[in-house]
Amino acid sequence: MENVVLIIHLLLALALIGVVLMQRSEGGGLGMGSGGGGGAMSGRAAATALGKVTWVLAAAFICTSVALTVIAAQNSSSSSVFDRLGTSAPAAEDTDTTLPGGDSLLPPAEGDAPLVPRAD
């Protein structure tokens, strides 16, 4: 089922790319040059056949995207990543927290005196 929806999704993507590339340009990029009446920023949208096909393909593309998301969520909800690997989670390792000179990297304990800089 997932493969069928995925193939339909890919065909819709290719068709959507083709239809968008076949449409007529509306002028300059980002709405530049739309000083006339029928530009991209006007209230009236051109209702051409390619425009309608673009909307239908876009809606179908979104529907197949949602369907693929739902199918993937159903397939992965029964197990975790560690269940699929077949191993348990790694145990925490004890790390050495001392510097080579013997100083500790940990903050001082409550009873230790604070280190105050001296002005010599």
C-alpha atoms as a PDB file:
ATOM      1  CA  MET A   1       0.000   0.000   0.000  1.00  0.00           C
ATOM      2  CA  GLU A   2       2.794   2.386   0.923  1.00  0.00           C
ATOM      3  CA  ASN A   3       4.585   1.710  -2.367  1.00  0.00           C
ATOM      4  CA  VAL A   4       1.465   2.460  -4.401  1.00  0.00           C
ATOM      5  CA  VAL A   5       0.923   5.789  -2.636  1.00  0.00           C
ATOM      6  CA  LEU A   6       4.611   6.610  -3.021  1.00  0.00           C
ATOM      7  CA  ILE A   7       4.533   5.952  -6.771  1.00  0.00           C
ATOM      8  CA  ILE A   8       1.407   8.111  -7.139  1.00  0.00           C
ATOM      9  CA  HIS A   9       3.134  10.808  -5.069  1.00  0.00           C
ATOM     10  CA  LEU A  10       6.201  10.795  -7.332  1.00  0.00           C
ATOM     11  CA  LEU A  11       4.074  10.908 -10.493  1.00  0.00           C
ATOM     12  CA  LEU A  12       2.122  13.847  -9.075  1.00  0.00           C
ATOM     13  CA  ALA A  13       5.369  15.648  -8.280  1.00  0.00           C
ATOM     14  CA  LEU A  14       6.650  15.200 -11.830  1.00  0.00           C
ATOM     15  CA  ALA A  15       3.309  16.287 -13.319  1.00  0.00           C
ATOM     16  CA  LEU A  16       3.206  19.338 -11.047  1.00  0.00           C
ATOM     17  CA  ILE A  17       6.716  20.344 -12.116  1.00  0.00           C
ATOM     18  CA  GLY A  18       5.759  19.952 -15.773  1.00  0.00           C
ATOM     19  CA  VAL A  19       2.553  21.970 -15.477  1.00  0.00           C
ATOM     20  CA  VAL A  20       4.258  24.791 -13.594  1.00  0.00           C
ATOM     21  CA  LEU A  21       7.022  24.988 -16.209  1.00  0.00           C
ATOM     22  CA  MET A  22       4.473  25.151 -19.040  1.00  0.00           C
ATOM     23  CA  GLN A  23       2.699  28.179 -17.594  1.00  0.00           C
ATOM     24  CA  ARG A  24       3.279  31.653 -18.967  1.00  0.00           C
ATOM     25  CA  SER A  25       5.506  33.950 -16.935  1.00  0.00           C
ATOM     26  CA  GLU A  26       3.752  36.869 -15.253  1.00  0.00           C
ATOM     27  CA  GLY A  27       6.600  39.320 -15.748  1.00  0.00           C
ATOM     28  CA  GLY A  28       9.631  40.095 -13.598  1.00  0.00           C
ATOM     29  CA  GLY A  29      10.605  38.148 -10.544  1.00  0.00           C
ATOM     30  CA  LEU A  30       9.024  38.863  -7.154  1.00  0.00           C
ATOM     31  CA  GLY A  31       6.166  40.849  -8.668  1.00  0.00           C
ATOM     32  CA  MET A  32       8.401  43.441 -10.297  1.00  0.00           C
ATOM     33  CA  GLY A  33       6.944  44.946 -13.424  1.00  0.00           C
ATOM     34  CA  SER A  34       3.343  44.279 -12.487  1.00  0.00           C
ATOM     35  CA  GLY A  35       2.305  47.871 -12.967  1.00  0.00           C
ATOM     36  CA  GLY A  36      -0.418  46.853 -15.413  1.00  0.00           C
ATOM     37  CA  GLY A  37      -3.898  45.606 -14.617  1.00  0.00           C
ATOM     38  CA  GLY A  38      -3.463  41.818 -14.798  1.00  0.00           C
ATOM     39  CA  GLY A  39      -0.324  41.257 -12.723  1.00  0.00           C
ATOM     40  CA  ALA A  40       0.304  38.744  -9.970  1.00  0.00           C
ATOM     41  CA  MET A  41      -0.553  41.271  -7.259  1.00  0.00           C
ATOM     42  CA  SER A  42      -3.976  42.175  -8.614  1.00  0.00           C
ATOM     43  CA  GLY A  43      -7.222  41.003  -7.061  1.00  0.00           C
ATOM     44  CA  ARG A  44      -8.303  38.995 -10.093  1.00  0.00           C
ATOM     45  CA  ALA A  45      -6.477  35.717 -10.701  1.00  0.00           C
ATOM     46  CA  ALA A  46      -6.271  34.279 -14.169  1.00  0.00           C
ATOM     47  CA  ALA A  47      -8.449  31.166 -14.365  1.00  0.00           C
ATOM     48  CA  THR A  48      -6.644  29.346 -17.140  1.00  0.00           C
ATOM     49  CA  ALA A  49      -6.814  25.622 -17.643  1.00  0.00           C
ATOM     50  CA  LEU A  50      -3.176  25.210 -16.583  1.00  0.00           C
ATOM     51  CA  GLY A  51      -3.884  27.189 -13.431  1.00  0.00           C
ATOM     52  CA  LYS A  52      -6.762  24.902 -12.509  1.00  0.00           C
ATOM     53  CA  VAL A  53      -4.703  21.785 -13.263  1.00  0.00           C
ATOM     54  CA  THR A  54      -1.933  23.177 -11.051  1.00  0.00           C
ATOM     55  CA  TRP A  55      -4.344  23.579  -8.127  1.00  0.00           C
ATOM     56  CA  VAL A  56      -5.725  20.060  -8.575  1.00  0.00           C
ATOM     57  CA  LEU A  57      -2.261  18.519  -8.761  1.00  0.00           C
ATOM     58  CA  ALA A  58      -1.094  20.519  -5.741  1.00  0.00           C
ATOM     59  CA  ALA A  59      -4.092  19.377  -3.684  1.00  0.00           C
ATOM     60  CA  ALA A  60      -3.532  15.751  -4.696  1.00  0.00           C
ATOM     61  CA  PHE A  61       0.184  16.092  -3.850  1.00  0.00           C
ATOM     62  CA  ILE A  62      -0.643  17.357  -0.357  1.00  0.00           C
ATOM     63  CA  CYS A  63      -3.165  14.538   0.156  1.00  0.00           C
ATOM     64  CA  THR A  64      -0.608  11.894  -0.787  1.00  0.00           C
ATOM     65  CA  SER A  65       1.947  13.575   1.492  1.00  0.00           C
ATOM     66  CA  VAL A  66      -0.447  13.317   4.423  1.00  0.00           C
ATOM     67  CA  ALA A  67      -1.297   9.724   3.520  1.00  0.00           C
ATOM     68  CA  LEU A  68       2.394   8.775   3.426  1.00  0.00           C
ATOM     69  CA  THR A  69       2.917  10.429   6.808  1.00  0.00           C
ATOM     70  CA  VAL A  70       0.018   8.505   8.347  1.00  0.00           C
ATOM     71  CA  ILE A  71       1.217   5.205   6.878  1.00  0.00           C
ATOM     72  CA  ALA A  72       4.763   5.789   8.146  1.00  0.00           C
ATOM     73  CA  ALA A  73       3.476   6.681  11.626  1.00  0.00           C
ATOM     74  CA  GLN A  74       1.382   3.513  11.795  1.00  0.00           C
ATOM     75  CA  ASN A  75       4.306   1.335  10.714  1.00  0.00           C
ATOM     76  CA  SER A  76       6.724   2.790  13.264  1.00  0.00           C
ATOM     77  CA  SER A  77       4.433   3.236  16.284  1.00  0.00           C
ATOM     78  CA  SER A  78       4.765  -0.368  17.462  1.00  0.00           C
ATOM     79  CA  SER A  79       8.512  -0.371  18.058  1.00  0.00           C
ATOM     80  CA  SER A  80      11.344   1.888  19.056  1.00  0.00           C
ATOM     81  CA  VAL A  81      14.721   2.293  17.420  1.00  0.00           C
ATOM     82  CA  PHE A  82      16.388   0.058  20.015  1.00  0.00           C
ATOM     83  CA  ASP A  83      13.814  -2.696  19.381  1.00  0.00           C
ATOM     84  CA  ARG A  84      14.667  -2.663  15.680  1.00  0.00           C
ATOM     85  CA  LEU A  85      18.409  -2.762  16.376  1.00  0.00           C
ATOM     86  CA  GLY A  86      18.099  -5.773  18.670  1.00  0.00           C
ATOM     87  CA  THR A  87      20.481  -4.343  21.260  1.00  0.00           C
ATOM     88  CA  SER A  88      19.956  -2.691  24.607  1.00  0.00           C
ATOM     89  CA  ALA A  89      20.758   0.908  25.401  1.00  0.00           C
ATOM     90  CA  PRO A  90      24.423   1.532  26.174  1.00  0.00           C
ATOM     91  CA  ALA A  91      25.279   1.708  29.869  1.00  0.00           C
ATOM     92  CA  ALA A  92      26.810   4.850  31.329  1.00  0.00           C
ATOM     93  CA  GLU A  93      30.576   4.588  31.579  1.00  0.00           C
ATOM     94  CA  ASP A  94      32.652   5.829  34.506  1.00  0.00           C
ATOM     95  CA  THR A  95      34.970   8.488  33.194  1.00  0.00           C
ATOM     96  CA  ASP A  96      38.129   9.741  34.835  1.00  0.00           C
ATOM     97  CA  THR A  97      37.554  13.326  36.022  1.00  0.00           C
ATOM     98  CA  THR A  98      41.134  14.199  36.950  1.00  0.00           C
ATOM     99  CA  LEU A  99      43.616  16.240  35.004  1.00  0.00           C
ATOM    100  CA  PRO A 100      47.102  14.906  34.281  1.00  0.00           C
ATOM    101  CA  GLY A 101      48.547  17.010  37.144  1.00  0.00           C
ATOM    102  CA  GLY A 102      46.144  15.423  39.659  1.00  0.00           C
ATOM    103  CA  ASP A 103      43.665  18.330  39.812  1.00  0.00           C
ATOM    104  CA  SER A 104      39.998  17.458  39.653  1.00  0.00           C
ATOM    105  CA  LEU A 105      37.634  18.727  36.978  1.00  0.00           C
ATOM    106  CA  LEU A 106      34.687  18.649  39.387  1.00  0.00           C
ATOM    107  CA  PRO A 107      33.557  21.767  41.291  1.00  0.00           C
ATOM    108  CA  PRO A 108      34.755  22.101  44.881  1.00  0.00           C
ATOM    109  CA  ALA A 109      32.793  20.374  47.642  1.00  0.00           C
ATOM    110  CA  GLU A 110      30.855  22.303  50.294  1.00  0.00           C
ATOM    111  CA  GLY A 111      33.605  22.102  52.913  1.00  0.00           C
ATOM    112  CA  ASP A 112      36.375  23.356  50.610  1.00  0.00           C
ATOM    113  CA  ALA A 113      37.434  26.970  50.979  1.00  0.00           C
ATOM    114  CA  PRO A 114      36.723  29.123  47.957  1.00  0.00           C
ATOM    115  CA  LEU A 115      39.639  30.174  45.841  1.00  0.00           C
ATOM    116  CA  VAL A 116      40.156  33.901  46.148  1.00  0.00           C
ATOM    117  CA  PRO A 117      42.626  35.676  43.861  1.00  0.00           C
ATOM    118  CA  ARG A 118      45.410  37.496  45.586  1.00  0.00           C
ATOM    119  CA  ALA A 119      46.710  40.927  44.587  1.00  0.00           C
ATOM    120  CA  ASP A 120      50.481  40.694  45.118  1.00  0.00           C
END
